[in-house]
Amino acid sequence: MTRWRSTNGALLERRAAGVLRTAHGGAAWAAGPNTAEALRAALAVRPDYVELDVHVTRDGELLLWHDEHIVTPAGAFAIAAHPLADLLALPTPDGTLMTLPQALEEARGRSGVMIDLKAPDLYAPLIATLDTLDVHDALVCGGYVDTLLALKARRPDLPVSLTPDAAAYASFGVTLRRLGSLDAVTVYWRTVDAAMVEAAHALGVMVLAWTVDHPPVAAHLLALGVDGLTSNSPAVLSALRRHPAPGPGTDPRLLVPGYLES
């Protein structure tokens, strides 16, 4: 049995029960990603985590959105250049804009939140939010190594996951050994092979693959031994519920319902 680096009780309990299931951007099948409607629809599916992308506004508020700009018929509005009130007033017909504190409160007791850092220098507002709201059921991921390490130093129980860049992929094992406080890696599913999973598990690091929307891909990754999948598909998320690790010789086609019909 793998001895994980993480000491976060919620993460360890969920992983012990099965493959981690993360809803990408909330329920992207129901509403615009990172919106209030998408979050609420995702919570109804009861995933282990809801992945949400985070930026900081000009006045220091953490806003959920994937891109640096919110695009409307009137133009593209840079999140970092505008106060929260102005951004909330923008028309977003695919869903209601939401702040990270609002999302954390909505998800409390129902799902963990995977906070995906989409900008540098988010340490101060993020740690203030987690401390003020007394949030312990969260996982922070992204490519901003300095922010991840600072968060981990301040909150050792907070799981952090590196989203590798090309250099980190090229020296995967070395990177994980050098960054000894990482709990996980969030990796593009096409980069995953058995050697990656073996190298991560040898160091107690979980492998969380994104974004997996088709049963054959999910089956392939489960057979490789990944620890979690992020998906836009309610069918894939539901099929993964409390999914055991595959045994030796398991036919990957049997790991995810719907594979043979794909």
C-alpha atoms as a PDB file:
ATOM      1  CA  MET A   1       0.000   0.000   0.000  1.00  0.00           C
ATOM      2  CA  THR A   2       1.311   3.456  -0.935  1.00  0.00           C
ATOM      3  CA  ARG A   3       2.316   5.726   1.933  1.00  0.00           C
ATOM      4  CA  TRP A   4       1.046   9.112   0.820  1.00  0.00           C
ATOM      5  CA  ARG A   5       2.818  12.371   1.562  1.00  0.00           C
ATOM      6  CA  SER A   6      -0.450  14.101   2.361  1.00  0.00           C
ATOM      7  CA  THR A   7      -1.733  14.310   5.918  1.00  0.00           C
ATOM      8  CA  ASN A   8      -5.103  15.797   4.941  1.00  0.00           C
ATOM      9  CA  GLY A   9      -7.779  13.568   6.439  1.00  0.00           C
ATOM     10  CA  ALA A  10     -10.477  14.301   3.870  1.00  0.00           C
ATOM     11  CA  LEU A  11      -8.180  13.597   0.919  1.00  0.00           C
ATOM     12  CA  LEU A  12      -6.817  10.385   2.430  1.00  0.00           C
ATOM     13  CA  GLU A  13     -10.266   9.111   3.355  1.00  0.00           C
ATOM     14  CA  ARG A  14     -11.606   9.698  -0.140  1.00  0.00           C
ATOM     15  CA  ARG A  15      -8.611   8.095  -1.814  1.00  0.00           C
ATOM     16  CA  ALA A  16      -8.854   5.060   0.454  1.00  0.00           C
ATOM     17  CA  ALA A  17     -12.473   4.647  -0.628  1.00  0.00           C
ATOM     18  CA  GLY A  18     -11.748   4.794  -4.359  1.00  0.00           C
ATOM     19  CA  VAL A  19     -10.577   6.834  -7.312  1.00  0.00           C
ATOM     20  CA  LEU A  20     -10.979  10.568  -6.704  1.00  0.00           C
ATOM     21  CA  ARG A  21     -13.731  12.136  -8.813  1.00  0.00           C
ATOM     22  CA  THR A  22     -13.427  15.847  -9.655  1.00  0.00           C
ATOM     23  CA  ALA A  23     -16.015  17.904 -11.546  1.00  0.00           C
ATOM     24  CA  HIS A  24     -14.212  20.236 -13.949  1.00  0.00           C
ATOM     25  CA  GLY A  25     -15.249  23.877 -13.527  1.00  0.00           C
ATOM     26  CA  GLY A  26     -18.283  22.664 -11.639  1.00  0.00           C
ATOM     27  CA  ALA A  27     -20.876  21.004 -13.860  1.00  0.00           C
ATOM     28  CA  ALA A  28     -19.791  22.306 -17.257  1.00  0.00           C
ATOM     29  CA  TRP A  29     -22.607  20.260 -18.811  1.00  0.00           C
ATOM     30  CA  ALA A  30     -25.213  22.345 -16.988  1.00  0.00           C
ATOM     31  CA  ALA A  31     -23.903  25.927 -17.056  1.00  0.00           C
ATOM     32  CA  GLY A  32     -20.864  28.023 -17.788  1.00  0.00           C
ATOM     33  CA  PRO A  33     -17.752  26.745 -15.966  1.00  0.00           C
ATOM     34  CA  ASN A  34     -16.981  28.435 -12.642  1.00  0.00           C
ATOM     35  CA  THR A  35     -20.469  29.887 -12.286  1.00  0.00           C
ATOM     36  CA  ALA A  36     -22.839  29.491  -9.359  1.00  0.00           C
ATOM     37  CA  GLU A  37     -25.185  27.362 -11.448  1.00  0.00           C
ATOM     38  CA  ALA A  38     -22.340  25.023 -12.505  1.00  0.00           C
ATOM     39  CA  LEU A  39     -21.179  24.614  -8.908  1.00  0.00           C
ATOM     40  CA  ARG A  40     -24.648  23.777  -7.653  1.00  0.00           C
ATOM     41  CA  ALA A  41     -25.252  21.268 -10.436  1.00  0.00           C
ATOM     42  CA  ALA A  42     -21.888  19.625  -9.710  1.00  0.00           C
ATOM     43  CA  LEU A  43     -22.661  19.309  -6.006  1.00  0.00           C
ATOM     44  CA  ALA A  44     -25.832  17.405  -6.919  1.00  0.00           C
ATOM     45  CA  VAL A  45     -23.609  14.704  -8.495  1.00  0.00           C
ATOM     46  CA  ARG A  46     -21.691  14.459  -5.186  1.00  0.00           C
ATOM     47  CA  PRO A  47     -18.104  14.420  -6.524  1.00  0.00           C
ATOM     48  CA  ASP A  48     -15.093  14.216  -4.247  1.00  0.00           C
ATOM     49  CA  TYR A  49     -13.905  17.629  -5.452  1.00  0.00           C
ATOM     50  CA  VAL A  50     -15.207  20.464  -7.577  1.00  0.00           C
ATOM     51  CA  GLU A  51     -12.417  22.114  -9.574  1.00  0.00           C
ATOM     52  CA  LEU A  52     -12.699  25.897  -9.761  1.00  0.00           C
ATOM     53  CA  ASP A  53     -10.375  28.403 -11.462  1.00  0.00           C
ATOM     54  CA  VAL A  54      -9.357  31.460  -9.478  1.00  0.00           C
ATOM     55  CA  HIS A  55      -8.176  34.987 -10.365  1.00  0.00           C
ATOM     56  CA  VAL A  56      -7.774  38.079  -8.208  1.00  0.00           C
ATOM     57  CA  THR A  57      -9.546  41.350  -8.966  1.00  0.00           C
ATOM     58  CA  ARG A  58      -8.033  44.826  -8.742  1.00  0.00           C
ATOM     59  CA  ASP A  59      -9.418  45.213  -5.227  1.00  0.00           C
ATOM     60  CA  GLY A  60      -8.033  41.878  -4.030  1.00  0.00           C
ATOM     61  CA  GLU A  61     -11.118  39.662  -4.294  1.00  0.00           C
ATOM     62  CA  LEU A  62     -10.851  36.058  -5.513  1.00  0.00           C
ATOM     63  CA  LEU A  63     -13.154  35.572  -8.504  1.00  0.00           C
ATOM     64  CA  LEU A  64     -13.936  32.286 -10.219  1.00  0.00           C
ATOM     65  CA  TRP A  65     -13.093  32.371 -13.932  1.00  0.00           C
ATOM     66  CA  HIS A  66     -10.790  30.465 -16.256  1.00  0.00           C
ATOM     67  CA  ASP A  67      -9.378  33.144 -18.549  1.00  0.00           C
ATOM     68  CA  GLU A  68      -7.679  36.421 -17.690  1.00  0.00           C
ATOM     69  CA  HIS A  69     -10.513  38.354 -19.338  1.00  0.00           C
ATOM     70  CA  ILE A  70     -14.287  38.203 -19.199  1.00  0.00           C
ATOM     71  CA  VAL A  71     -15.452  38.702 -22.762  1.00  0.00           C
ATOM     72  CA  THR A  72     -18.747  40.472 -23.478  1.00  0.00           C
ATOM     73  CA  PRO A  73     -20.224  42.253 -26.509  1.00  0.00           C
ATOM     74  CA  ALA A  74     -18.822  45.455 -25.017  1.00  0.00           C
ATOM     75  CA  GLY A  75     -15.273  44.094 -24.969  1.00  0.00           C
ATOM     76  CA  ALA A  76     -12.812  42.025 -22.975  1.00  0.00           C
ATOM     77  CA  PHE A  77     -12.482  42.991 -19.305  1.00  0.00           C
ATOM     78  CA  ALA A  78      -9.222  42.015 -17.579  1.00  0.00           C
ATOM     79  CA  ILE A  79     -10.046  40.593 -14.161  1.00  0.00           C
ATOM     80  CA  ALA A  80      -6.884  41.972 -12.564  1.00  0.00           C
ATOM     81  CA  ALA A  81      -7.642  45.477 -13.833  1.00  0.00           C
ATOM     82  CA  HIS A  82     -11.210  45.844 -12.536  1.00  0.00           C
ATOM     83  CA  PRO A  83     -12.847  45.850  -9.099  1.00  0.00           C
ATOM     84  CA  LEU A  84     -15.150  42.993  -8.207  1.00  0.00           C
ATOM     85  CA  ALA A  85     -18.313  45.114  -8.301  1.00  0.00           C
ATOM     86  CA  ASP A  86     -17.700  46.128 -11.915  1.00  0.00           C
ATOM     87  CA  LEU A  87     -17.033  42.542 -12.980  1.00  0.00           C
ATOM     88  CA  LEU A  88     -20.144  41.234 -11.243  1.00  0.00           C
ATOM     89  CA  ALA A  89     -22.185  43.739 -13.233  1.00  0.00           C
ATOM     90  CA  LEU A  90     -21.051  42.256 -16.570  1.00  0.00           C
ATOM     91  CA  PRO A  91     -23.559  40.161 -18.539  1.00  0.00           C
ATOM     92  CA  THR A  92     -22.778  36.437 -18.387  1.00  0.00           C
ATOM     93  CA  PRO A  93     -25.811  34.646 -19.840  1.00  0.00           C
ATOM     94  CA  ASP A  94     -24.299  31.186 -19.252  1.00  0.00           C
ATOM     95  CA  GLY A  95     -24.252  31.605 -15.483  1.00  0.00           C
ATOM     96  CA  THR A  96     -23.773  33.839 -12.462  1.00  0.00           C
ATOM     97  CA  LEU A  97     -20.283  35.016 -11.514  1.00  0.00           C
ATOM     98  CA  MET A  98     -19.150  33.802  -8.107  1.00  0.00           C
ATOM     99  CA  THR A  99     -16.330  34.512  -5.672  1.00  0.00           C
ATOM    100  CA  LEU A 100     -14.192  31.795  -4.124  1.00  0.00           C
ATOM    101  CA  PRO A 101     -15.460  32.490  -0.580  1.00  0.00           C
ATOM    102  CA  GLN A 102     -19.037  32.042  -1.807  1.00  0.00           C
ATOM    103  CA  ALA A 103     -18.108  28.755  -3.486  1.00  0.00           C
ATOM    104  CA  LEU A 104     -16.283  27.434  -0.428  1.00  0.00           C
ATOM    105  CA  GLU A 105     -19.293  28.117   1.767  1.00  0.00           C
ATOM    106  CA  GLU A 106     -21.666  26.507  -0.735  1.00  0.00           C
ATOM    107  CA  ALA A 107     -19.502  23.378  -1.000  1.00  0.00           C
ATOM    108  CA  ARG A 108     -18.827  23.070   2.744  1.00  0.00           C
ATOM    109  CA  GLY A 109     -19.751  19.622   3.991  1.00  0.00           C
ATOM    110  CA  ARG A 110     -20.807  18.494   0.506  1.00  0.00           C
ATOM    111  CA  SER A 111     -17.594  18.343  -1.519  1.00  0.00           C
ATOM    112  CA  GLY A 112     -13.967  19.309  -1.403  1.00  0.00           C
ATOM    113  CA  VAL A 113     -12.863  22.193  -3.598  1.00  0.00           C
ATOM    114  CA  MET A 114      -9.899  21.928  -5.970  1.00  0.00           C
ATOM    115  CA  ILE A 115      -8.665  25.508  -6.300  1.00  0.00           C
ATOM    116  CA  ASP A 116      -6.855  25.946  -9.623  1.00  0.00           C
ATOM    117  CA  LEU A 117      -4.550  28.978  -9.523  1.00  0.00           C
ATOM    118  CA  LYS A 118      -4.850  30.957 -12.760  1.00  0.00           C
ATOM    119  CA  ALA A 119      -2.660  33.900 -11.775  1.00  0.00           C
ATOM    120  CA  PRO A 120       0.537  34.525  -9.787  1.00  0.00           C
ATOM    121  CA  ASP A 121       0.678  36.235  -6.415  1.00  0.00           C
ATOM    122  CA  LEU A 122      -2.527  34.707  -5.054  1.00  0.00           C
ATOM    123  CA  TYR A 123      -0.945  33.577  -1.791  1.00  0.00           C
ATOM    124  CA  ALA A 124      -2.064  36.449   0.427  1.00  0.00           C
ATOM    125  CA  PRO A 125      -5.759  36.608  -0.534  1.00  0.00           C
ATOM    126  CA  LEU A 126      -6.024  32.826  -0.707  1.00  0.00           C
ATOM    127  CA  ILE A 127      -4.508  32.093   2.693  1.00  0.00           C
ATOM    128  CA  ALA A 128      -6.615  34.885   4.194  1.00  0.00           C
ATOM    129  CA  THR A 129      -9.751  33.303   2.723  1.00  0.00           C
ATOM    130  CA  LEU A 130      -8.905  29.781   3.906  1.00  0.00           C
ATOM    131  CA  ASP A 131      -8.023  31.003   7.394  1.00  0.00           C
ATOM    132  CA  THR A 132     -11.017  33.320   7.778  1.00  0.00           C
ATOM    133  CA  LEU A 133     -13.484  30.672   6.659  1.00  0.00           C
ATOM    134  CA  ASP A 134     -11.630  27.895   8.499  1.00  0.00           C
ATOM    135  CA  VAL A 135     -11.515  25.752   5.351  1.00  0.00           C
ATOM    136  CA  HIS A 136      -9.639  22.448   5.542  1.00  0.00           C
ATOM    137  CA  ASP A 137     -11.371  20.488   2.767  1.00  0.00           C
ATOM    138  CA  ALA A 138      -9.592  22.028  -0.195  1.00  0.00           C
ATOM    139  CA  LEU A 139      -6.770  21.137  -2.556  1.00  0.00           C
ATOM    140  CA  VAL A 140      -4.772  23.830  -4.386  1.00  0.00           C
ATOM    141  CA  CYS A 141      -3.262  23.111  -7.795  1.00  0.00           C
ATOM    142  CA  GLY A 142      -1.476  24.983 -10.553  1.00  0.00           C
ATOM    143  CA  GLY A 143       1.882  25.795 -12.028  1.00  0.00           C
ATOM    144  CA  TYR A 144       2.847  28.590  -9.643  1.00  0.00           C
ATOM    145  CA  VAL A 145       5.377  26.668  -7.571  1.00  0.00           C
ATOM    146  CA  ASP A 146       6.264  29.534  -5.224  1.00  0.00           C
ATOM    147  CA  THR A 147       2.617  29.981  -4.283  1.00  0.00           C
ATOM    148  CA  LEU A 148       2.095  26.250  -3.722  1.00  0.00           C
ATOM    149  CA  LEU A 149       5.158  25.993  -1.494  1.00  0.00           C
ATOM    150  CA  ALA A 150       4.222  29.103   0.491  1.00  0.00           C
ATOM    151  CA  LEU A 151       0.719  27.744   1.076  1.00  0.00           C
ATOM    152  CA  LYS A 152       2.122  24.416   2.204  1.00  0.00           C
ATOM    153  CA  ALA A 153       4.551  26.081   4.602  1.00  0.00           C
ATOM    154  CA  ARG A 154       1.721  28.107   6.137  1.00  0.00           C
ATOM    155  CA  ARG A 155      -0.840  25.279   6.163  1.00  0.00           C
ATOM    156  CA  PRO A 156       0.931  21.869   6.227  1.00  0.00           C
ATOM    157  CA  ASP A 157      -2.422  20.047   6.158  1.00  0.00           C
ATOM    158  CA  LEU A 158      -3.453  21.745   2.896  1.00  0.00           C
ATOM    159  CA  PRO A 159      -2.870  19.442  -0.099  1.00  0.00           C
ATOM    160  CA  VAL A 160      -1.030  21.106  -2.992  1.00  0.00           C
ATOM    161  CA  SER A 161      -0.683  19.703  -6.493  1.00  0.00           C
ATOM    162  CA  LEU A 162       1.740  20.804  -9.200  1.00  0.00           C
ATOM    163  CA  THR A 163       0.510  21.164 -12.755  1.00  0.00           C
ATOM    164  CA  PRO A 164       3.840  20.529 -14.498  1.00  0.00           C
ATOM    165  CA  ASP A 165       5.316  22.611 -17.282  1.00  0.00           C
ATOM    166  CA  ALA A 166       7.449  21.088 -20.032  1.00  0.00           C
ATOM    167  CA  ALA A 167      10.611  21.213 -17.928  1.00  0.00           C
ATOM    168  CA  ALA A 168       8.937  19.448 -15.012  1.00  0.00           C
ATOM    169  CA  TYR A 169       7.601  16.726 -17.311  1.00  0.00           C
ATOM    170  CA  ALA A 170      11.090  16.220 -18.738  1.00  0.00           C
ATOM    171  CA  SER A 171      12.578  15.663 -15.264  1.00  0.00           C
ATOM    172  CA  PHE A 172       9.499  14.279 -13.548  1.00  0.00           C
ATOM    173  CA  GLY A 173      11.053  12.168 -10.802  1.00  0.00           C
ATOM    174  CA  VAL A 174      13.730  14.758 -10.035  1.00  0.00           C
ATOM    175  CA  THR A 175      11.084  17.472  -9.753  1.00  0.00           C
ATOM    176  CA  LEU A 176       8.993  15.454  -7.300  1.00  0.00           C
ATOM    177  CA  ARG A 177      12.002  14.652  -5.148  1.00  0.00           C
ATOM    178  CA  ARG A 178      13.149  18.282  -5.158  1.00  0.00           C
ATOM    179  CA  LEU A 179       9.678  19.574  -4.275  1.00  0.00           C
ATOM    180  CA  GLY A 180       9.228  17.322  -1.294  1.00  0.00           C
ATOM    181  CA  SER A 181       6.096  19.042   0.036  1.00  0.00           C
ATOM    182  CA  LEU A 182       3.931  18.315  -3.006  1.00  0.00           C
ATOM    183  CA  ASP A 183       1.006  16.016  -2.264  1.00  0.00           C
ATOM    184  CA  ALA A 184      -0.048  15.402  -5.870  1.00  0.00           C
ATOM    185  CA  VAL A 185       0.459  16.247  -9.519  1.00  0.00           C
ATOM    186  CA  THR A 186      -2.374  17.373 -11.784  1.00  0.00           C
ATOM    187  CA  VAL A 187      -1.410  16.161 -15.240  1.00  0.00           C
ATOM    188  CA  TYR A 188      -2.824  16.235 -18.764  1.00  0.00           C
ATOM    189  CA  TRP A 189      -4.149  12.733 -19.320  1.00  0.00           C
ATOM    190  CA  ARG A 190      -2.235  12.186 -22.567  1.00  0.00           C
ATOM    191  CA  THR A 191       1.078  12.520 -20.691  1.00  0.00           C
ATOM    192  CA  VAL A 192       0.328   9.667 -18.277  1.00  0.00           C
ATOM    193  CA  ASP A 193       2.092   6.344 -18.571  1.00  0.00           C
ATOM    194  CA  ALA A 194       2.978   3.580 -16.152  1.00  0.00           C
ATOM    195  CA  ALA A 195       6.440   5.046 -15.489  1.00  0.00           C
ATOM    196  CA  MET A 196       4.934   8.378 -14.402  1.00  0.00           C
ATOM    197  CA  VAL A 197       2.509   6.724 -12.003  1.00  0.00           C
ATOM    198  CA  GLU A 198       5.216   4.451 -10.598  1.00  0.00           C
ATOM    199  CA  ALA A 199       7.618   7.363 -10.057  1.00  0.00           C
ATOM    200  CA  ALA A 200       4.960   9.437  -8.291  1.00  0.00           C
ATOM    201  CA  HIS A 201       3.712   6.595  -6.107  1.00  0.00           C
ATOM    202  CA  ALA A 202       7.261   5.688  -5.076  1.00  0.00           C
ATOM    203  CA  LEU A 203       7.424   9.149  -3.482  1.00  0.00           C
ATOM    204  CA  GLY A 204       3.895   9.102  -2.047  1.00  0.00           C
ATOM    205  CA  VAL A 205       2.547  11.565  -4.610  1.00  0.00           C
ATOM    206  CA  MET A 206      -0.947  11.140  -6.065  1.00  0.00           C
ATOM    207  CA  VAL A 207      -1.520  11.389  -9.828  1.00  0.00           C
ATOM    208  CA  LEU A 208      -4.647  13.340 -10.781  1.00  0.00           C
ATOM    209  CA  ALA A 209      -5.395  13.337 -14.511  1.00  0.00           C
ATOM    210  CA  TRP A 210      -7.371  15.948 -16.474  1.00  0.00           C
ATOM    211  CA  THR A 211      -9.649  16.325 -18.425  1.00  0.00           C
ATOM    212  CA  VAL A 212     -11.247  12.916 -19.051  1.00  0.00           C
ATOM    213  CA  ASP A 213     -14.659  12.855 -20.707  1.00  0.00           C
ATOM    214  CA  HIS A 214     -14.785   9.461 -22.443  1.00  0.00           C
ATOM    215  CA  PRO A 215     -15.117   6.002 -20.852  1.00  0.00           C
ATOM    216  CA  PRO A 216     -12.302   4.382 -22.905  1.00  0.00           C
ATOM    217  CA  VAL A 217      -9.863   7.069 -21.745  1.00  0.00           C
ATOM    218  CA  ALA A 218     -11.005   6.675 -18.145  1.00  0.00           C
ATOM    219  CA  ALA A 219     -10.535   2.898 -18.376  1.00  0.00           C
ATOM    220  CA  HIS A 220      -7.041   3.360 -19.839  1.00  0.00           C
ATOM    221  CA  LEU A 221      -5.991   5.664 -16.995  1.00  0.00           C
ATOM    222  CA  LEU A 222      -7.494   3.498 -14.280  1.00  0.00           C
ATOM    223  CA  ALA A 223      -5.544   0.534 -15.622  1.00  0.00           C
ATOM    224  CA  LEU A 224      -2.364   2.642 -15.301  1.00  0.00           C
ATOM    225  CA  GLY A 225      -3.202   3.265 -11.638  1.00  0.00           C
ATOM    226  CA  VAL A 226      -4.033   6.974 -11.511  1.00  0.00           C
ATOM    227  CA  ASP A 227      -5.510   8.239  -8.262  1.00  0.00           C
ATOM    228  CA  GLY A 228      -8.097  10.657  -9.610  1.00  0.00           C
ATOM    229  CA  LEU A 229      -9.804  11.923 -12.740  1.00  0.00           C
ATOM    230  CA  THR A 230     -11.183  15.360 -13.537  1.00  0.00           C
ATOM    231  CA  SER A 231     -14.108  15.304 -15.943  1.00  0.00           C
ATOM    232  CA  ASN A 232     -16.818  17.347 -17.637  1.00  0.00           C
ATOM    233  CA  SER A 233     -18.959  14.214 -17.976  1.00  0.00           C
ATOM    234  CA  PRO A 234     -21.556  13.292 -15.344  1.00  0.00           C
ATOM    235  CA  ALA A 235     -21.581   9.750 -16.750  1.00  0.00           C
ATOM    236  CA  VAL A 236     -17.837   9.316 -16.195  1.00  0.00           C
ATOM    237  CA  LEU A 237     -18.008  10.836 -12.714  1.00  0.00           C
ATOM    238  CA  SER A 238     -20.915   8.609 -11.742  1.00  0.00           C
ATOM    239  CA  ALA A 239     -19.184   5.499 -13.112  1.00  0.00           C
ATOM    240  CA  LEU A 240     -16.103   6.269 -11.015  1.00  0.00           C
ATOM    241  CA  ARG A 241     -18.014   6.445  -7.755  1.00  0.00           C
ATOM    242  CA  ARG A 242     -16.074   4.458  -5.163  1.00  0.00           C
ATOM    243  CA  HIS A 243     -14.153   2.660  -7.911  1.00  0.00           C
ATOM    244  CA  PRO A 244     -11.661   0.105  -6.543  1.00  0.00           C
ATOM    245  CA  ALA A 245      -8.125  -0.186  -7.849  1.00  0.00           C
ATOM    246  CA  PRO A 246      -7.871  -2.704 -10.715  1.00  0.00           C
ATOM    247  CA  GLY A 247      -6.363  -6.081  -9.938  1.00  0.00           C
ATOM    248  CA  PRO A 248      -3.630  -7.781 -11.990  1.00  0.00           C
ATOM    249  CA  GLY A 249      -4.831  -8.768 -15.420  1.00  0.00           C
ATOM    250  CA  THR A 250      -8.044  -6.753 -15.195  1.00  0.00           C
ATOM    251  CA  ASP A 251      -9.501  -6.018 -18.624  1.00  0.00           C
ATOM    252  CA  PRO A 252      -9.565  -2.176 -18.773  1.00  0.00           C
ATOM    253  CA  ARG A 253     -12.766  -2.346 -20.791  1.00  0.00           C
ATOM    254  CA  LEU A 254     -14.546  -3.555 -17.661  1.00  0.00           C
ATOM    255  CA  LEU A 255     -13.345  -0.752 -15.408  1.00  0.00           C
ATOM    256  CA  VAL A 256     -15.754   1.921 -16.605  1.00  0.00           C
ATOM    257  CA  PRO A 257     -19.400   1.198 -17.454  1.00  0.00           C
ATOM    258  CA  GLY A 258     -20.127   2.320 -20.989  1.00  0.00           C
ATOM    259  CA  TYR A 259     -16.686   1.476 -22.413  1.00  0.00           C
ATOM    260  CA  LEU A 260     -17.979  -1.203 -24.747  1.00  0.00           C
ATOM    261  CA  GLU A 261     -20.777   1.086 -25.939  1.00  0.00           C
ATOM    262  CA  SER A 262     -18.412   3.989 -26.720  1.00  0.00           C
END
